[in-house]
């Protein structure tokens, strides 16, 4: 019996680290399979709870496998905005409450994946003010909870080959706080569509307000995702690591297309002070007997 990687559904941790790996050029597929099998066997490391693992389309294709629904991130563009696509072979989300322990766990994962995989990016994240973005606004207010969260994020038994797995969209957004802080407080609220002081939605906010652009129930079909985003900061740069799980990429993509104004030409006001630096899609396999279930990849 397969179950979801528990870290997908658990509350956000105090600290986190994100690792992105590429497949080394010329690496034989058999060596890659052996490396992934060895990683799965390290149940104290790739446990699906403290460590969530996702596979990109490039890796799945290199293995000669096919995961229905797994595709490449769309490089969309609208009026004055462009969304980059930055695919990776393997994505790892390390969750915990001790940054030092996460550092050492990341080193162990890097060692376990060498020499088949090379580490391309490392980004640290953290909980801020009970779950707020660095802008001060609550993130994930409309997140589904309980059974609804499971139905939103985890593939059900109606897809036996994928049951217990999930699809995740990952974007790293960089905030321009000089620009944000030049905006009056009322304009900041209208940009988000909620009042920062009490998190109440503003009924007469403009159509460009982020809340109105991405209202999950306003799509047909409804576009619900389970957000697991956290702030990040490196030197003088900072922003939000946007992470959204769902049973397919369709809900996220519907929101993204509306944000850049593809449907009606209205660009999300969020772009006034923030831009995405990256964008990638991954498939997160289920767990079976305490290990990553790699059987859909013939491993």
C-alpha atoms as a PDB file:
ATOM      1  CA  UNK A   1       0.000   0.000   0.000  1.00  0.00           C
ATOM      2  CA  UNK A   2       1.296   3.431  -0.938  1.00  0.00           C
ATOM      3  CA  UNK A   3       0.952   6.639   1.073  1.00  0.00           C
ATOM      4  CA  UNK A   4       1.908  10.251   0.452  1.00  0.00           C
ATOM      5  CA  UNK A   5       5.199  11.777   1.481  1.00  0.00           C
ATOM      6  CA  UNK A   6       4.032  13.128   4.850  1.00  0.00           C
ATOM      7  CA  UNK A   7       5.997  16.363   4.573  1.00  0.00           C
ATOM      8  CA  UNK A   8       3.629  17.548   1.872  1.00  0.00           C
ATOM      9  CA  UNK A   9       0.671  17.651   4.254  1.00  0.00           C
ATOM     10  CA  UNK A  10       2.392  18.587   7.527  1.00  0.00           C
ATOM     11  CA  UNK A  11       2.518  22.208   8.762  1.00  0.00           C
ATOM     12  CA  UNK A  12       5.454  24.293   7.610  1.00  0.00           C
ATOM     13  CA  UNK A  13       8.688  23.755   9.538  1.00  0.00           C
ATOM     14  CA  UNK A  14      10.689  26.529  11.235  1.00  0.00           C
ATOM     15  CA  UNK A  15      13.511  26.207   8.674  1.00  0.00           C
ATOM     16  CA  UNK A  16      13.989  24.516   5.310  1.00  0.00           C
ATOM     17  CA  UNK A  17      16.473  24.026   2.504  1.00  0.00           C
ATOM     18  CA  UNK A  18      15.786  23.372  -1.188  1.00  0.00           C
ATOM     19  CA  UNK A  19      18.233  21.437  -3.357  1.00  0.00           C
ATOM     20  CA  UNK A  20      18.125  21.214  -7.156  1.00  0.00           C
ATOM     21  CA  UNK A  21      20.206  18.575  -8.945  1.00  0.00           C
ATOM     22  CA  UNK A  22      21.024  17.938 -12.582  1.00  0.00           C
ATOM     23  CA  UNK A  23      21.858  14.588 -14.134  1.00  0.00           C
ATOM     24  CA  UNK A  24      25.549  14.472 -15.001  1.00  0.00           C
ATOM     25  CA  UNK A  25      26.134  14.404 -18.793  1.00  0.00           C
ATOM     26  CA  UNK A  26      26.712  10.993 -20.259  1.00  0.00           C
ATOM     27  CA  UNK A  27      25.632   9.185 -17.103  1.00  0.00           C
ATOM     28  CA  UNK A  28      24.369   5.686 -18.046  1.00  0.00           C
ATOM     29  CA  UNK A  29      20.727   5.169 -17.140  1.00  0.00           C
ATOM     30  CA  UNK A  30      21.605   2.012 -15.179  1.00  0.00           C
ATOM     31  CA  UNK A  31      23.963   4.006 -12.942  1.00  0.00           C
ATOM     32  CA  UNK A  32      21.255   6.594 -12.434  1.00  0.00           C
ATOM     33  CA  UNK A  33      18.755   3.902 -11.465  1.00  0.00           C
ATOM     34  CA  UNK A  34      21.191   2.366  -8.996  1.00  0.00           C
ATOM     35  CA  UNK A  35      21.818   5.754  -7.402  1.00  0.00           C
ATOM     36  CA  UNK A  36      18.108   6.462  -7.001  1.00  0.00           C
ATOM     37  CA  UNK A  37      17.486   2.981  -5.628  1.00  0.00           C
ATOM     38  CA  UNK A  38      20.251   3.549  -3.074  1.00  0.00           C
ATOM     39  CA  UNK A  39      18.729   6.897  -2.075  1.00  0.00           C
ATOM     40  CA  UNK A  40      15.325   5.285  -1.620  1.00  0.00           C
ATOM     41  CA  UNK A  41      16.888   2.642   0.594  1.00  0.00           C
ATOM     42  CA  UNK A  42      18.153   5.326   2.979  1.00  0.00           C
ATOM     43  CA  UNK A  43      14.867   5.497   4.866  1.00  0.00           C
ATOM     44  CA  UNK A  44      16.401   7.652   7.589  1.00  0.00           C
ATOM     45  CA  UNK A  45      17.316  10.217   4.930  1.00  0.00           C
ATOM     46  CA  UNK A  46      14.708  10.140   2.153  1.00  0.00           C
ATOM     47  CA  UNK A  47      11.845   9.560   4.573  1.00  0.00           C
ATOM     48  CA  UNK A  48       9.168  11.669   2.845  1.00  0.00           C
ATOM     49  CA  UNK A  49       8.600  13.634   6.049  1.00  0.00           C
ATOM     50  CA  UNK A  50      11.734  15.546   6.937  1.00  0.00           C
ATOM     51  CA  UNK A  51      12.878  15.159   3.334  1.00  0.00           C
ATOM     52  CA  UNK A  52      10.471  15.459   0.391  1.00  0.00           C
ATOM     53  CA  UNK A  53      11.778  14.381  -3.027  1.00  0.00           C
ATOM     54  CA  UNK A  54      10.547  15.308  -6.509  1.00  0.00           C
ATOM     55  CA  UNK A  55      11.571  14.170 -10.012  1.00  0.00           C
ATOM     56  CA  UNK A  56      11.662  16.425 -13.062  1.00  0.00           C
ATOM     57  CA  UNK A  57      10.629  15.517 -16.577  1.00  0.00           C
ATOM     58  CA  UNK A  58      14.223  15.511 -17.830  1.00  0.00           C
ATOM     59  CA  UNK A  59      15.174  12.803 -15.341  1.00  0.00           C
ATOM     60  CA  UNK A  60      12.065  10.710 -15.966  1.00  0.00           C
ATOM     61  CA  UNK A  61      12.729  10.883 -19.717  1.00  0.00           C
ATOM     62  CA  UNK A  62      16.389   9.935 -19.218  1.00  0.00           C
ATOM     63  CA  UNK A  63      15.193   6.811 -17.414  1.00  0.00           C
ATOM     64  CA  UNK A  64      12.974   5.903 -20.352  1.00  0.00           C
ATOM     65  CA  UNK A  65       9.902   6.206 -18.143  1.00  0.00           C
ATOM     66  CA  UNK A  66       6.647   8.146 -18.417  1.00  0.00           C
ATOM     67  CA  UNK A  67       4.663   9.738 -15.600  1.00  0.00           C
ATOM     68  CA  UNK A  68       1.213  10.740 -16.904  1.00  0.00           C
ATOM     69  CA  UNK A  69       0.693  14.447 -16.231  1.00  0.00           C
ATOM     70  CA  UNK A  70       4.363  15.325 -15.714  1.00  0.00           C
ATOM     71  CA  UNK A  71       5.385  18.085 -18.107  1.00  0.00           C
ATOM     72  CA  UNK A  72       7.743  21.019 -18.441  1.00  0.00           C
ATOM     73  CA  UNK A  73       7.139  24.344 -16.728  1.00  0.00           C
ATOM     74  CA  UNK A  74       5.558  26.859 -19.157  1.00  0.00           C
ATOM     75  CA  UNK A  75       7.580  30.013 -19.874  1.00  0.00           C
ATOM     76  CA  UNK A  76       4.572  32.339 -20.001  1.00  0.00           C
ATOM     77  CA  UNK A  77       4.658  36.068 -20.725  1.00  0.00           C
ATOM     78  CA  UNK A  78       2.222  38.965 -20.491  1.00  0.00           C
ATOM     79  CA  UNK A  79       2.331  42.749 -20.676  1.00  0.00           C
ATOM     80  CA  UNK A  80       5.699  43.664 -19.198  1.00  0.00           C
ATOM     81  CA  UNK A  81       6.117  40.375 -17.339  1.00  0.00           C
ATOM     82  CA  UNK A  82       7.841  37.097 -18.183  1.00  0.00           C
ATOM     83  CA  UNK A  83       7.984  33.866 -16.199  1.00  0.00           C
ATOM     84  CA  UNK A  84      11.230  31.892 -16.547  1.00  0.00           C
ATOM     85  CA  UNK A  85      11.319  28.127 -16.874  1.00  0.00           C
ATOM     86  CA  UNK A  86      14.325  26.601 -15.094  1.00  0.00           C
ATOM     87  CA  UNK A  87      13.933  22.801 -15.137  1.00  0.00           C
ATOM     88  CA  UNK A  88      15.903  20.494 -12.840  1.00  0.00           C
ATOM     89  CA  UNK A  89      16.264  16.744 -12.772  1.00  0.00           C
ATOM     90  CA  UNK A  90      15.744  16.297  -9.040  1.00  0.00           C
ATOM     91  CA  UNK A  91      14.282  18.544  -6.313  1.00  0.00           C
ATOM     92  CA  UNK A  92      14.696  17.965  -2.584  1.00  0.00           C
ATOM     93  CA  UNK A  93      12.876  19.882   0.158  1.00  0.00           C
ATOM     94  CA  UNK A  94      14.571  19.519   3.533  1.00  0.00           C
ATOM     95  CA  UNK A  95      12.328  20.352   6.489  1.00  0.00           C
ATOM     96  CA  UNK A  96      13.370  20.770  10.114  1.00  0.00           C
ATOM     97  CA  UNK A  97      13.875  22.954  13.165  1.00  0.00           C
ATOM     98  CA  UNK A  98      17.683  23.008  13.326  1.00  0.00           C
ATOM     99  CA  UNK A  99      19.508  24.711  10.474  1.00  0.00           C
ATOM    100  CA  UNK A 100      22.777  22.961  11.284  1.00  0.00           C
ATOM    101  CA  UNK A 101      21.154  19.529  11.120  1.00  0.00           C
ATOM    102  CA  UNK A 102      19.664  20.445   7.737  1.00  0.00           C
ATOM    103  CA  UNK A 103      23.087  21.484   6.473  1.00  0.00           C
ATOM    104  CA  UNK A 104      24.510  18.083   7.369  1.00  0.00           C
ATOM    105  CA  UNK A 105      21.504  16.247   5.944  1.00  0.00           C
ATOM    106  CA  UNK A 106      21.945  18.146   2.673  1.00  0.00           C
ATOM    107  CA  UNK A 107      25.592  17.063   2.568  1.00  0.00           C
ATOM    108  CA  UNK A 108      24.593  13.429   3.065  1.00  0.00           C
ATOM    109  CA  UNK A 109      22.059  13.647   0.233  1.00  0.00           C
ATOM    110  CA  UNK A 110      24.608  15.248  -2.084  1.00  0.00           C
ATOM    111  CA  UNK A 111      27.067  12.460  -1.267  1.00  0.00           C
ATOM    112  CA  UNK A 112      24.408   9.773  -1.787  1.00  0.00           C
ATOM    113  CA  UNK A 113      23.550  11.148  -5.243  1.00  0.00           C
ATOM    114  CA  UNK A 114      27.124  11.541  -6.496  1.00  0.00           C
ATOM    115  CA  UNK A 115      28.477  10.981  -9.069  1.00  0.00           C
ATOM    116  CA  UNK A 116      25.245  10.494 -11.030  1.00  0.00           C
ATOM    117  CA  UNK A 117      23.813  13.863  -9.992  1.00  0.00           C
ATOM    118  CA  UNK A 118      25.406  17.267  -9.513  1.00  0.00           C
ATOM    119  CA  UNK A 119      24.086  19.894  -7.105  1.00  0.00           C
ATOM    120  CA  UNK A 120      23.112  23.051  -9.014  1.00  0.00           C
ATOM    121  CA  UNK A 121      21.307  25.205  -6.446  1.00  0.00           C
ATOM    122  CA  UNK A 122      20.837  25.451  -2.704  1.00  0.00           C
ATOM    123  CA  UNK A 123      18.378  27.877  -1.116  1.00  0.00           C
ATOM    124  CA  UNK A 124      17.474  28.238   2.556  1.00  0.00           C
ATOM    125  CA  UNK A 125      14.033  29.281   3.801  1.00  0.00           C
ATOM    126  CA  UNK A 126      12.405  29.989   7.135  1.00  0.00           C
ATOM    127  CA  UNK A 127       9.129  30.611   8.904  1.00  0.00           C
ATOM    128  CA  UNK A 128       8.336  34.297   9.415  1.00  0.00           C
ATOM    129  CA  UNK A 129       5.823  35.769  11.845  1.00  0.00           C
ATOM    130  CA  UNK A 130       3.634  32.689  12.059  1.00  0.00           C
ATOM    131  CA  UNK A 131       3.454  32.059   8.320  1.00  0.00           C
ATOM    132  CA  UNK A 132       3.609  35.477   6.689  1.00  0.00           C
ATOM    133  CA  UNK A 133       5.468  36.528   3.590  1.00  0.00           C
ATOM    134  CA  UNK A 134       8.269  39.051   4.210  1.00  0.00           C
ATOM    135  CA  UNK A 135       5.869  41.705   2.910  1.00  0.00           C
ATOM    136  CA  UNK A 136       3.853  41.114   6.090  1.00  0.00           C
ATOM    137  CA  UNK A 137       0.850  39.486   4.411  1.00  0.00           C
ATOM    138  CA  UNK A 138      -0.336  36.012   5.361  1.00  0.00           C
ATOM    139  CA  UNK A 139       0.446  33.345   2.800  1.00  0.00           C
ATOM    140  CA  UNK A 140      -1.905  30.484   1.978  1.00  0.00           C
ATOM    141  CA  UNK A 141      -4.992  31.946   3.644  1.00  0.00           C
ATOM    142  CA  UNK A 142      -7.314  29.957   1.366  1.00  0.00           C
ATOM    143  CA  UNK A 143      -5.374  26.694   1.702  1.00  0.00           C
ATOM    144  CA  UNK A 144      -7.591  23.609   1.952  1.00  0.00           C
ATOM    145  CA  UNK A 145      -7.329  21.742   5.247  1.00  0.00           C
ATOM    146  CA  UNK A 146      -7.878  18.200   6.520  1.00  0.00           C
ATOM    147  CA  UNK A 147      -9.325  15.780   3.990  1.00  0.00           C
ATOM    148  CA  UNK A 148      -9.711  18.613   1.477  1.00  0.00           C
ATOM    149  CA  UNK A 149      -5.951  19.193   1.601  1.00  0.00           C
ATOM    150  CA  UNK A 150      -5.314  15.518   0.906  1.00  0.00           C
ATOM    151  CA  UNK A 151      -7.768  15.457  -2.001  1.00  0.00           C
ATOM    152  CA  UNK A 152      -6.195  18.619  -3.422  1.00  0.00           C
ATOM    153  CA  UNK A 153      -2.552  17.593  -3.149  1.00  0.00           C
ATOM    154  CA  UNK A 154      -2.414  13.785  -3.278  1.00  0.00           C
ATOM    155  CA  UNK A 155      -3.384  11.584  -6.206  1.00  0.00           C
ATOM    156  CA  UNK A 156      -6.137   9.172  -5.178  1.00  0.00           C
ATOM    157  CA  UNK A 157      -6.779   5.479  -5.809  1.00  0.00           C
ATOM    158  CA  UNK A 158      -8.605   6.272  -9.055  1.00  0.00           C
ATOM    159  CA  UNK A 159      -5.118   6.420 -10.597  1.00  0.00           C
ATOM    160  CA  UNK A 160      -3.587   3.171  -9.266  1.00  0.00           C
ATOM    161  CA  UNK A 161      -0.166   3.714 -10.815  1.00  0.00           C
ATOM    162  CA  UNK A 162       0.196   7.150  -9.230  1.00  0.00           C
ATOM    163  CA  UNK A 163      -1.852   6.781  -6.041  1.00  0.00           C
ATOM    164  CA  UNK A 164      -0.216   8.592  -3.128  1.00  0.00           C
ATOM    165  CA  UNK A 165       2.018  10.726  -5.318  1.00  0.00           C
ATOM    166  CA  UNK A 166       1.777  14.466  -5.969  1.00  0.00           C
ATOM    167  CA  UNK A 167       2.758  17.137  -8.481  1.00  0.00           C
ATOM    168  CA  UNK A 168       4.544  20.269  -7.267  1.00  0.00           C
ATOM    169  CA  UNK A 169       5.194  23.659  -8.858  1.00  0.00           C
ATOM    170  CA  UNK A 170       8.193  25.563  -7.503  1.00  0.00           C
ATOM    171  CA  UNK A 171       9.060  29.221  -8.117  1.00  0.00           C
ATOM    172  CA  UNK A 172      11.566  31.466  -6.352  1.00  0.00           C
ATOM    173  CA  UNK A 173      10.251  35.041  -6.234  1.00  0.00           C
ATOM    174  CA  UNK A 174      12.490  38.025  -5.448  1.00  0.00           C
ATOM    175  CA  UNK A 175      10.859  41.051  -3.791  1.00  0.00           C
ATOM    176  CA  UNK A 176      11.849  44.649  -4.507  1.00  0.00           C
ATOM    177  CA  UNK A 177      11.258  46.157  -1.071  1.00  0.00           C
ATOM    178  CA  UNK A 178      12.471  49.601  -2.106  1.00  0.00           C
ATOM    179  CA  UNK A 179       9.603  49.705  -4.588  1.00  0.00           C
ATOM    180  CA  UNK A 180       7.166  48.048  -2.177  1.00  0.00           C
ATOM    181  CA  UNK A 181       7.907  50.495   0.632  1.00  0.00           C
ATOM    182  CA  UNK A 182       7.356  53.478  -1.680  1.00  0.00           C
ATOM    183  CA  UNK A 183       3.740  52.368  -2.053  1.00  0.00           C
ATOM    184  CA  UNK A 184       1.260  53.811   0.503  1.00  0.00           C
ATOM    185  CA  UNK A 185      -0.166  51.206   2.903  1.00  0.00           C
ATOM    186  CA  UNK A 186      -3.562  51.410   1.203  1.00  0.00           C
ATOM    187  CA  UNK A 187      -1.996  50.688  -2.195  1.00  0.00           C
ATOM    188  CA  UNK A 188      -0.105  47.744  -0.724  1.00  0.00           C
ATOM    189  CA  UNK A 189      -3.384  46.318   0.572  1.00  0.00           C
ATOM    190  CA  UNK A 190      -5.069  46.808  -2.811  1.00  0.00           C
ATOM    191  CA  UNK A 191      -2.143  45.124  -4.553  1.00  0.00           C
ATOM    192  CA  UNK A 192      -2.683  41.992  -2.476  1.00  0.00           C
ATOM    193  CA  UNK A 193      -6.454  42.338  -2.126  1.00  0.00           C
ATOM    194  CA  UNK A 194      -6.362  41.899   1.664  1.00  0.00           C
ATOM    195  CA  UNK A 195      -5.752  44.212   4.580  1.00  0.00           C
ATOM    196  CA  UNK A 196      -2.431  43.409   6.185  1.00  0.00           C
ATOM    197  CA  UNK A 197      -3.633  44.415   9.652  1.00  0.00           C
ATOM    198  CA  UNK A 198      -6.438  41.814   9.869  1.00  0.00           C
ATOM    199  CA  UNK A 199      -6.044  39.680   6.705  1.00  0.00           C
ATOM    200  CA  UNK A 200      -9.602  40.504   5.621  1.00  0.00           C
ATOM    201  CA  UNK A 201     -10.332  40.426   1.897  1.00  0.00           C
ATOM    202  CA  UNK A 202     -11.137  43.813   0.353  1.00  0.00           C
ATOM    203  CA  UNK A 203     -14.429  43.478  -1.531  1.00  0.00           C
ATOM    204  CA  UNK A 204     -13.911  46.486  -3.782  1.00  0.00           C
ATOM    205  CA  UNK A 205     -10.269  45.747  -4.592  1.00  0.00           C
ATOM    206  CA  UNK A 206      -9.372  46.206  -8.283  1.00  0.00           C
ATOM    207  CA  UNK A 207      -9.460  43.240 -10.650  1.00  0.00           C
ATOM    208  CA  UNK A 208      -5.664  43.307 -10.702  1.00  0.00           C
ATOM    209  CA  UNK A 209      -5.456  42.478  -6.967  1.00  0.00           C
ATOM    210  CA  UNK A 210      -3.611  39.223  -6.402  1.00  0.00           C
ATOM    211  CA  UNK A 211      -6.436  37.684  -4.380  1.00  0.00           C
ATOM    212  CA  UNK A 212      -8.897  38.309  -7.223  1.00  0.00           C
ATOM    213  CA  UNK A 213      -6.493  37.086  -9.893  1.00  0.00           C
ATOM    214  CA  UNK A 214      -5.959  33.776  -8.100  1.00  0.00           C
ATOM    215  CA  UNK A 215      -9.302  33.133  -6.350  1.00  0.00           C
ATOM    216  CA  UNK A 216      -9.284  29.344  -6.621  1.00  0.00           C
ATOM    217  CA  UNK A 217     -13.054  28.924  -6.695  1.00  0.00           C
ATOM    218  CA  UNK A 218     -13.423  31.435  -9.571  1.00  0.00           C
ATOM    219  CA  UNK A 219     -11.989  29.046 -12.173  1.00  0.00           C
ATOM    220  CA  UNK A 220     -13.822  26.379 -14.148  1.00  0.00           C
ATOM    221  CA  UNK A 221     -12.976  23.814 -12.977  1.00  0.00           C
ATOM    222  CA  UNK A 222     -11.934  25.190  -9.597  1.00  0.00           C
ATOM    223  CA  UNK A 223      -8.159  25.628  -9.307  1.00  0.00           C
ATOM    224  CA  UNK A 224      -7.248  24.559  -5.769  1.00  0.00           C
ATOM    225  CA  UNK A 225      -3.638  23.903  -4.776  1.00  0.00           C
ATOM    226  CA  UNK A 226      -1.968  23.276  -1.434  1.00  0.00           C
ATOM    227  CA  UNK A 227       0.561  26.043  -0.844  1.00  0.00           C
ATOM    228  CA  UNK A 228       3.672  25.286   1.170  1.00  0.00           C
ATOM    229  CA  UNK A 229       5.584  28.506   0.518  1.00  0.00           C
ATOM    230  CA  UNK A 230       8.288  29.967   2.774  1.00  0.00           C
ATOM    231  CA  UNK A 231      10.363  33.187   2.772  1.00  0.00           C
ATOM    232  CA  UNK A 232      14.014  33.076   1.720  1.00  0.00           C
ATOM    233  CA  UNK A 233      16.904  35.530   2.141  1.00  0.00           C
ATOM    234  CA  UNK A 234      20.439  35.488   0.738  1.00  0.00           C
ATOM    235  CA  UNK A 235      22.637  38.525   1.281  1.00  0.00           C
ATOM    236  CA  UNK A 236      20.602  41.584   0.341  1.00  0.00           C
ATOM    237  CA  UNK A 237      18.131  39.622  -1.788  1.00  0.00           C
ATOM    238  CA  UNK A 238      14.987  38.046  -0.380  1.00  0.00           C
ATOM    239  CA  UNK A 239      11.518  36.936  -1.337  1.00  0.00           C
ATOM    240  CA  UNK A 240       9.224  33.923  -1.341  1.00  0.00           C
ATOM    241  CA  UNK A 241       9.912  30.335  -2.322  1.00  0.00           C
ATOM    242  CA  UNK A 242       6.530  29.491  -3.789  1.00  0.00           C
ATOM    243  CA  UNK A 243       5.700  25.785  -3.525  1.00  0.00           C
ATOM    244  CA  UNK A 244       2.280  24.428  -4.527  1.00  0.00           C
ATOM    245  CA  UNK A 245       1.198  20.779  -4.514  1.00  0.00           C
ATOM    246  CA  UNK A 246      -1.771  19.365  -6.427  1.00  0.00           C
ATOM    247  CA  UNK A 247      -2.986  16.239  -8.192  1.00  0.00           C
ATOM    248  CA  UNK A 248      -2.010  17.846 -11.503  1.00  0.00           C
ATOM    249  CA  UNK A 249      -0.385  21.039 -12.751  1.00  0.00           C
ATOM    250  CA  UNK A 250      -3.649  22.278 -14.278  1.00  0.00           C
ATOM    251  CA  UNK A 251      -4.874  24.331 -11.260  1.00  0.00           C
ATOM    252  CA  UNK A 252      -1.534  26.091 -10.817  1.00  0.00           C
ATOM    253  CA  UNK A 253      -1.219  26.766 -14.535  1.00  0.00           C
ATOM    254  CA  UNK A 254      -4.714  28.239 -14.675  1.00  0.00           C
ATOM    255  CA  UNK A 255      -3.788  30.688 -11.921  1.00  0.00           C
ATOM    256  CA  UNK A 256      -0.474  31.508 -13.575  1.00  0.00           C
ATOM    257  CA  UNK A 257      -2.074  32.271 -16.934  1.00  0.00           C
ATOM    258  CA  UNK A 258      -4.527  34.643 -15.290  1.00  0.00           C
ATOM    259  CA  UNK A 259      -1.758  36.333 -13.297  1.00  0.00           C
ATOM    260  CA  UNK A 260       0.113  37.308 -16.469  1.00  0.00           C
ATOM    261  CA  UNK A 261      -3.112  38.455 -18.127  1.00  0.00           C
ATOM    262  CA  UNK A 262      -3.298  35.903 -20.929  1.00  0.00           C
ATOM    263  CA  UNK A 263      -7.093  35.673 -20.629  1.00  0.00           C
ATOM    264  CA  UNK A 264      -8.103  39.335 -20.268  1.00  0.00           C
ATOM    265  CA  UNK A 265      -4.950  41.461 -20.429  1.00  0.00           C
ATOM    266  CA  UNK A 266      -5.074  42.303 -16.708  1.00  0.00           C
ATOM    267  CA  UNK A 267      -1.694  41.648 -15.104  1.00  0.00           C
ATOM    268  CA  UNK A 268      -1.551  40.701 -11.423  1.00  0.00           C
ATOM    269  CA  UNK A 269      -0.637  43.733  -9.316  1.00  0.00           C
ATOM    270  CA  UNK A 270       1.830  41.524  -7.450  1.00  0.00           C
ATOM    271  CA  UNK A 271       4.299  42.182 -10.274  1.00  0.00           C
ATOM    272  CA  UNK A 272       4.578  45.782  -9.045  1.00  0.00           C
ATOM    273  CA  UNK A 273       7.142  44.676  -6.485  1.00  0.00           C
ATOM    274  CA  UNK A 274       8.118  41.043  -7.109  1.00  0.00           C
ATOM    275  CA  UNK A 275       9.312  38.826  -9.972  1.00  0.00           C
ATOM    276  CA  UNK A 276       9.975  35.083 -10.291  1.00  0.00           C
ATOM    277  CA  UNK A 277      13.591  34.048 -10.772  1.00  0.00           C
ATOM    278  CA  UNK A 278      12.836  30.399 -11.476  1.00  0.00           C
ATOM    279  CA  UNK A 279      10.073  27.968 -12.337  1.00  0.00           C
ATOM    280  CA  UNK A 280      10.003  24.177 -12.388  1.00  0.00           C
ATOM    281  CA  UNK A 281       7.633  21.216 -12.164  1.00  0.00           C
ATOM    282  CA  UNK A 282       8.281  17.945 -10.314  1.00  0.00           C
ATOM    283  CA  UNK A 283       6.514  14.677  -9.572  1.00  0.00           C
ATOM    284  CA  UNK A 284       6.768  13.545  -5.941  1.00  0.00           C
ATOM    285  CA  UNK A 285       6.431   9.752  -5.687  1.00  0.00           C
ATOM    286  CA  UNK A 286       4.460   7.981  -2.991  1.00  0.00           C
ATOM    287  CA  UNK A 287       5.948   6.045  -0.094  1.00  0.00           C
ATOM    288  CA  UNK A 288       5.747   2.244   0.226  1.00  0.00           C
ATOM    289  CA  UNK A 289       7.007   0.366   3.285  1.00  0.00           C
ATOM    290  CA  UNK A 290       8.806   3.469   4.501  1.00  0.00           C
ATOM    291  CA  UNK A 291      10.682   4.041   1.230  1.00  0.00           C
ATOM    292  CA  UNK A 292      10.165   6.158  -1.868  1.00  0.00           C
ATOM    293  CA  UNK A 293       8.019   4.110  -4.249  1.00  0.00           C
ATOM    294  CA  UNK A 294       9.997   4.277  -7.485  1.00  0.00           C
ATOM    295  CA  UNK A 295       8.089   1.488  -9.219  1.00  0.00           C
ATOM    296  CA  UNK A 296       6.461   3.953 -11.697  1.00  0.00           C
ATOM    297  CA  UNK A 297      10.055   4.597 -12.867  1.00  0.00           C
ATOM    298  CA  UNK A 298      10.732   0.842 -13.156  1.00  0.00           C
ATOM    299  CA  UNK A 299      13.171   1.050 -10.221  1.00  0.00           C
END
